Every structure is written in C-alpha cells, then in structure tokens.
Amino acid sequence: MRLTLTLETLLSQLGSFSWHLDVYKALDQPLSPTMSVLIIDDELEEERDQQDEPLFPQTQGYQYVLSIADLQSINANLVQQRPNASLHDLIHAVSYYYQNDAYINVEC
C-alpha cells in the first residue's frame, strides 16, 4: 500500500487507517496541515537500503515521521486531556510530539 495525502486529511481520517502503517513527510519541510504525506505498509516494501529501510520513500523525497500507531496514541492522549480537541489541536500535538518525543500537556 502506498498512499499520498495531506496531513490534515490523514489526521481527520486517522481511525480508518491500520495501526501498523508508517507515515513519511517531504524532506526539510515542517509539519503543516497542507503538507503532503506518504503512507506505506513497511512489510510490503521489498526494495531496502543497507539499514533495511524501504527505498521507495527515500527515492520520492520523503523521510519517516511516525507510525499510524503513534498518531493514534497522540490523538488518544490529546482527547483524554481535551475531549473536544479540534483538528488544529491535533496537528499541534503531533508537531509537538515529533519535535520533543513526548506528549503535549494541554492547559484546559
């Protein structure tokens, strides 16, 4: 499976994706709602580099961001803190997690 869509679309449909998929973003681009992301099933990617990472994202100019499982966990943490969290809140929480390797602490 290889699917390209915007970060905003991915996050708005997060529950419809299997936890085992991986998400990649364009190299040197900060996370933003309209940025293009690539979703792949790592297990189905046959061509690999020397570190056993899939070659397809690299050849298309993408780098690994997080797994769908990570994104679902970030969303669950956010909703636990702020039940009516918006898509903007989720994008902010994902960006925070990506930069700090930690869940965001939301002031309610």
N, C-alpha and C. Protein backbone atom coordinates (compact mmCIF):
# COMPACT_ATOMS: atom_id res chain seq x y z
N MET A 1 0.83 -1.18 0.00
CA MET A 1 0.00 0.00 0.00
C MET A 1 0.88 1.25 0.00
N ARG A 2 0.59 2.14 -0.88
CA ARG A 2 1.24 3.45 -0.94
C ARG A 2 0.15 4.48 -1.19
N LEU A 3 0.07 5.45 -0.30
CA LEU A 3 -0.98 6.46 -0.40
C LEU A 3 -0.40 7.82 -0.06
N THR A 4 -0.67 8.81 -0.89
CA THR A 4 -0.22 10.17 -0.64
C THR A 4 -1.45 11.04 -0.41
N LEU A 5 -1.42 11.81 0.68
CA LEU A 5 -2.50 12.74 1.00
C LEU A 5 -1.96 13.83 1.90
N THR A 6 -2.79 14.78 2.27
CA THR A 6 -2.31 15.85 3.15
C THR A 6 -2.34 15.39 4.60
N LEU A 7 -1.53 16.02 5.41
CA LEU A 7 -1.51 15.70 6.84
C LEU A 7 -2.89 15.92 7.45
N GLU A 8 -3.55 17.00 7.05
CA GLU A 8 -4.88 17.31 7.55
C GLU A 8 -5.87 16.19 7.22
N THR A 9 -5.84 15.70 6.00
CA THR A 9 -6.73 14.61 5.60
C THR A 9 -6.42 13.35 6.38
N LEU A 10 -5.15 13.02 6.50
CA LEU A 10 -4.74 11.84 7.27
C LEU A 10 -5.28 11.92 8.70
N LEU A 11 -5.06 13.05 9.36
CA LEU A 11 -5.47 13.17 10.76
C LEU A 11 -6.98 13.19 10.92
N SER A 12 -7.70 13.72 9.94
CA SER A 12 -9.15 13.73 10.03
C SER A 12 -9.75 12.34 9.81
N GLN A 13 -8.97 11.44 9.18
CA GLN A 13 -9.44 10.08 8.91
C GLN A 13 -8.60 9.04 9.66
N LEU A 14 -7.94 9.46 10.71
CA LEU A 14 -6.96 8.63 11.41
C LEU A 14 -7.51 7.27 11.83
N GLY A 15 -8.74 7.23 12.29
CA GLY A 15 -9.32 5.97 12.75
C GLY A 15 -9.52 4.93 11.66
N SER A 16 -9.48 5.35 10.41
CA SER A 16 -9.71 4.41 9.31
C SER A 16 -8.42 3.73 8.82
N PHE A 17 -7.28 4.11 9.39
CA PHE A 17 -6.00 3.52 8.98
C PHE A 17 -5.54 2.48 10.00
N SER A 18 -4.94 1.42 9.49
CA SER A 18 -4.41 0.36 10.35
C SER A 18 -3.18 0.87 11.11
N TRP A 19 -3.07 0.47 12.36
CA TRP A 19 -2.01 0.92 13.26
C TRP A 19 -0.61 0.60 12.75
N HIS A 20 -0.46 -0.42 11.93
CA HIS A 20 0.89 -0.88 11.53
C HIS A 20 1.51 -0.09 10.38
N LEU A 21 0.77 0.84 9.79
CA LEU A 21 1.30 1.62 8.66
C LEU A 21 2.25 2.72 9.15
N ASP A 22 3.13 3.16 8.25
CA ASP A 22 4.11 4.20 8.56
C ASP A 22 3.83 5.45 7.74
N VAL A 23 4.15 6.62 8.34
CA VAL A 23 3.91 7.91 7.70
C VAL A 23 5.25 8.59 7.44
N TYR A 24 5.39 9.14 6.24
CA TYR A 24 6.59 9.86 5.82
C TYR A 24 6.18 11.26 5.38
N LYS A 25 7.10 12.23 5.54
CA LYS A 25 6.86 13.60 5.10
C LYS A 25 7.98 14.01 4.15
N ALA A 26 7.71 15.06 3.38
CA ALA A 26 8.73 15.57 2.47
C ALA A 26 9.94 16.05 3.27
N LEU A 27 11.12 15.81 2.72
CA LEU A 27 12.36 16.22 3.38
C LEU A 27 12.36 17.72 3.65
N ASP A 28 12.90 18.10 4.79
CA ASP A 28 13.13 19.51 5.15
C ASP A 28 11.87 20.38 5.14
N GLN A 29 10.72 19.79 5.34
CA GLN A 29 9.50 20.57 5.45
C GLN A 29 8.94 20.43 6.87
N PRO A 30 8.59 21.56 7.49
CA PRO A 30 7.96 21.46 8.81
C PRO A 30 6.56 20.89 8.66
N LEU A 31 6.08 20.27 9.72
CA LEU A 31 4.73 19.73 9.68
C LEU A 31 3.71 20.86 9.54
N SER A 32 2.80 20.71 8.61
CA SER A 32 1.75 21.69 8.41
C SER A 32 0.52 20.95 7.88
N PRO A 33 -0.67 21.52 8.06
CA PRO A 33 -1.90 20.83 7.64
C PRO A 33 -1.94 20.47 6.16
N THR A 34 -1.39 21.32 5.30
CA THR A 34 -1.50 21.10 3.86
C THR A 34 -0.33 20.34 3.25
N MET A 35 0.64 19.98 4.07
CA MET A 35 1.79 19.26 3.52
C MET A 35 1.39 17.85 3.08
N SER A 36 2.11 17.36 2.11
CA SER A 36 1.87 16.03 1.58
C SER A 36 2.59 15.00 2.45
N VAL A 37 1.87 13.94 2.77
CA VAL A 37 2.48 12.83 3.50
C VAL A 37 2.27 11.54 2.71
N LEU A 38 3.18 10.61 2.91
CA LEU A 38 3.14 9.32 2.25
C LEU A 38 2.89 8.26 3.31
N ILE A 39 1.92 7.41 3.07
CA ILE A 39 1.63 6.31 3.98
C ILE A 39 2.00 5.02 3.27
N ILE A 40 2.79 4.19 3.95
CA ILE A 40 3.16 2.90 3.35
C ILE A 40 3.02 1.78 4.38
N ASP A 41 2.92 0.58 3.85
CA ASP A 41 2.97 -0.62 4.67
C ASP A 41 4.40 -1.14 4.54
N ASP A 42 5.20 -0.90 5.55
CA ASP A 42 6.61 -1.27 5.53
C ASP A 42 6.82 -2.74 5.19
N GLU A 43 5.93 -3.59 5.65
CA GLU A 43 6.08 -5.03 5.42
C GLU A 43 5.95 -5.41 3.95
N LEU A 44 5.27 -4.59 3.18
CA LEU A 44 5.08 -4.89 1.76
C LEU A 44 6.15 -4.31 0.85
N GLU A 45 7.01 -3.48 1.42
CA GLU A 45 8.07 -2.85 0.63
C GLU A 45 9.26 -3.82 0.51
N GLU A 46 9.54 -4.23 -0.70
CA GLU A 46 10.60 -5.22 -0.93
C GLU A 46 11.98 -4.60 -1.11
N GLU A 47 12.07 -3.47 -1.80
CA GLU A 47 13.36 -2.84 -2.03
C GLU A 47 13.80 -2.10 -0.78
N ARG A 48 15.01 -2.44 -0.27
CA ARG A 48 15.51 -1.91 1.00
C ARG A 48 16.90 -1.35 0.86
N ASP A 49 17.24 -0.39 1.77
CA ASP A 49 18.61 0.11 1.80
C ASP A 49 19.43 -0.76 2.75
N GLN A 50 20.66 -0.36 3.03
CA GLN A 50 21.55 -1.17 3.87
C GLN A 50 21.11 -1.23 5.33
N GLN A 51 20.27 -0.28 5.75
CA GLN A 51 19.74 -0.29 7.12
C GLN A 51 18.37 -0.98 7.17
N ASP A 52 18.00 -1.65 6.09
CA ASP A 52 16.74 -2.37 5.95
C ASP A 52 15.52 -1.44 5.98
N GLU A 53 15.72 -0.19 5.59
CA GLU A 53 14.61 0.76 5.47
C GLU A 53 14.09 0.72 4.04
N PRO A 54 12.80 0.93 3.85
CA PRO A 54 12.25 0.91 2.48
C PRO A 54 12.84 2.02 1.61
N LEU A 55 13.17 1.67 0.38
CA LEU A 55 13.78 2.63 -0.55
C LEU A 55 12.77 3.59 -1.17
N PHE A 56 11.55 3.16 -1.37
CA PHE A 56 10.58 3.99 -2.08
C PHE A 56 10.43 5.39 -1.48
N PRO A 57 10.21 5.54 -0.18
CA PRO A 57 10.06 6.90 0.36
C PRO A 57 11.29 7.77 0.10
N GLN A 58 12.48 7.18 0.23
CA GLN A 58 13.71 7.93 0.02
C GLN A 58 13.82 8.42 -1.42
N THR A 59 13.49 7.55 -2.37
CA THR A 59 13.60 7.93 -3.78
C THR A 59 12.55 8.96 -4.19
N GLN A 60 11.50 9.09 -3.39
CA GLN A 60 10.45 10.07 -3.67
C GLN A 60 10.64 11.36 -2.88
N GLY A 61 11.71 11.43 -2.08
CA GLY A 61 12.00 12.65 -1.33
C GLY A 61 11.29 12.74 0.01
N TYR A 62 10.97 11.61 0.61
CA TYR A 62 10.29 11.58 1.89
C TYR A 62 11.19 11.01 2.98
N GLN A 63 10.90 11.41 4.22
CA GLN A 63 11.59 10.85 5.38
C GLN A 63 10.55 10.38 6.38
N TYR A 64 10.92 9.39 7.18
CA TYR A 64 10.00 8.83 8.17
C TYR A 64 9.62 9.88 9.20
N VAL A 65 8.33 9.89 9.56
CA VAL A 65 7.85 10.79 10.60
C VAL A 65 7.43 9.96 11.81
N LEU A 66 6.32 9.29 11.71
CA LEU A 66 5.77 8.50 12.80
C LEU A 66 4.93 7.36 12.21
N SER A 67 4.58 6.43 13.04
CA SER A 67 3.67 5.38 12.60
C SER A 67 2.23 5.83 12.83
N ILE A 68 1.31 5.16 12.18
CA ILE A 68 -0.11 5.43 12.44
C ILE A 68 -0.42 5.13 13.90
N ALA A 69 0.20 4.10 14.47
CA ALA A 69 0.00 3.78 15.89
C ALA A 69 0.42 4.95 16.77
N ASP A 70 1.55 5.59 16.44
CA ASP A 70 1.99 6.78 17.19
C ASP A 70 0.95 7.89 17.08
N LEU A 71 0.47 8.14 15.87
CA LEU A 71 -0.51 9.21 15.66
C LEU A 71 -1.81 8.92 16.42
N GLN A 72 -2.23 7.66 16.41
CA GLN A 72 -3.44 7.29 17.15
C GLN A 72 -3.24 7.47 18.65
N SER A 73 -2.06 7.17 19.13
CA SER A 73 -1.74 7.35 20.55
C SER A 73 -1.70 8.83 20.92
N ILE A 74 -1.13 9.65 20.06
CA ILE A 74 -1.09 11.10 20.29
C ILE A 74 -2.52 11.64 20.35
N ASN A 75 -3.36 11.18 19.43
CA ASN A 75 -4.75 11.61 19.40
C ASN A 75 -5.48 11.18 20.68
N ALA A 76 -5.28 9.95 21.11
CA ALA A 76 -5.93 9.46 22.33
C ALA A 76 -5.50 10.27 23.55
N ASN A 77 -4.22 10.58 23.62
CA ASN A 77 -3.71 11.39 24.74
C ASN A 77 -4.33 12.78 24.72
N LEU A 78 -4.41 13.37 23.55
CA LEU A 78 -4.98 14.71 23.42
C LEU A 78 -6.46 14.72 23.81
N VAL A 79 -7.22 13.75 23.31
CA VAL A 79 -8.65 13.68 23.60
C VAL A 79 -8.90 13.43 25.09
N GLN A 80 -8.01 12.69 25.72
CA GLN A 80 -8.14 12.45 27.16
C GLN A 80 -8.01 13.78 27.92
N GLN A 81 -7.13 14.63 27.46
CA GLN A 81 -6.92 15.93 28.11
C GLN A 81 -7.95 16.97 27.69
N ARG A 82 -8.34 16.92 26.42
CA ARG A 82 -9.28 17.90 25.87
C ARG A 82 -10.27 17.15 24.97
N PRO A 83 -11.39 16.69 25.55
CA PRO A 83 -12.35 15.87 24.79
C PRO A 83 -12.86 16.51 23.50
N ASN A 84 -12.93 17.82 23.43
CA ASN A 84 -13.43 18.50 22.23
C ASN A 84 -12.28 19.07 21.40
N ALA A 85 -11.15 18.39 21.39
CA ALA A 85 -9.98 18.88 20.65
C ALA A 85 -10.30 19.00 19.16
N SER A 86 -9.80 20.06 18.57
CA SER A 86 -10.01 20.30 17.14
C SER A 86 -8.90 19.64 16.32
N LEU A 87 -9.09 19.64 15.02
CA LEU A 87 -8.06 19.13 14.12
C LEU A 87 -6.80 19.97 14.26
N HIS A 88 -6.95 21.27 14.43
CA HIS A 88 -5.81 22.17 14.66
C HIS A 88 -5.06 21.75 15.93
N ASP A 89 -5.78 21.42 16.99
CA ASP A 89 -5.16 20.96 18.24
C ASP A 89 -4.36 19.68 18.00
N LEU A 90 -4.93 18.77 17.21
CA LEU A 90 -4.25 17.50 16.92
C LEU A 90 -2.98 17.74 16.11
N ILE A 91 -3.04 18.60 15.13
CA ILE A 91 -1.85 18.91 14.33
C ILE A 91 -0.76 19.50 15.23
N HIS A 92 -1.15 20.38 16.12
CA HIS A 92 -0.20 20.96 17.07
C HIS A 92 0.39 19.88 17.98
N ALA A 93 -0.43 18.96 18.47
CA ALA A 93 0.04 17.88 19.34
C ALA A 93 1.00 16.94 18.59
N VAL A 94 0.70 16.67 17.32
CA VAL A 94 1.59 15.82 16.51
C VAL A 94 2.93 16.52 16.29
N SER A 95 2.89 17.79 15.98
CA SER A 95 4.12 18.55 15.78
C SER A 95 4.95 18.57 17.06
N TYR A 96 4.30 18.78 18.17
CA TYR A 96 4.99 18.79 19.46
C TYR A 96 5.65 17.44 19.72
N TYR A 97 4.91 16.36 19.50
CA TYR A 97 5.44 15.01 19.72
C TYR A 97 6.64 14.74 18.80
N TYR A 98 6.51 15.14 17.54
CA TYR A 98 7.57 14.93 16.57
C TYR A 98 8.85 15.66 16.97
N GLN A 99 8.72 16.87 17.48
CA GLN A 99 9.88 17.68 17.85
C GLN A 99 10.46 17.31 19.21
N ASN A 100 9.62 16.82 20.13
CA ASN A 100 10.06 16.60 21.52
C ASN A 100 10.03 15.15 21.97
N ASP A 101 9.52 14.26 21.15
CA ASP A 101 9.38 12.85 21.51
C ASP A 101 8.63 12.70 22.84
N ALA A 102 7.59 13.51 23.01
CA ALA A 102 6.78 13.49 24.23
C ALA A 102 5.39 14.01 23.91
N TYR A 103 4.43 13.57 24.70
CA TYR A 103 3.07 14.06 24.53
C TYR A 103 2.97 15.51 25.01
N ILE A 104 2.09 16.24 24.37
CA ILE A 104 1.86 17.61 24.76
C ILE A 104 1.02 17.64 26.04
N ASN A 105 1.28 18.57 26.90
CA ASN A 105 0.48 18.77 28.11
C ASN A 105 -0.41 19.97 27.83
N VAL A 106 -1.70 19.72 27.68
CA VAL A 106 -2.64 20.76 27.29
C VAL A 106 -3.20 21.45 28.53
N GLU A 107 -3.16 22.76 28.50
CA GLU A 107 -3.80 23.55 29.56
C GLU A 107 -5.26 23.69 29.20
N CYS A 108 -6.11 23.15 30.04
CA CYS A 108 -7.56 23.21 29.76
C CYS A 108 -8.16 24.51 30.24
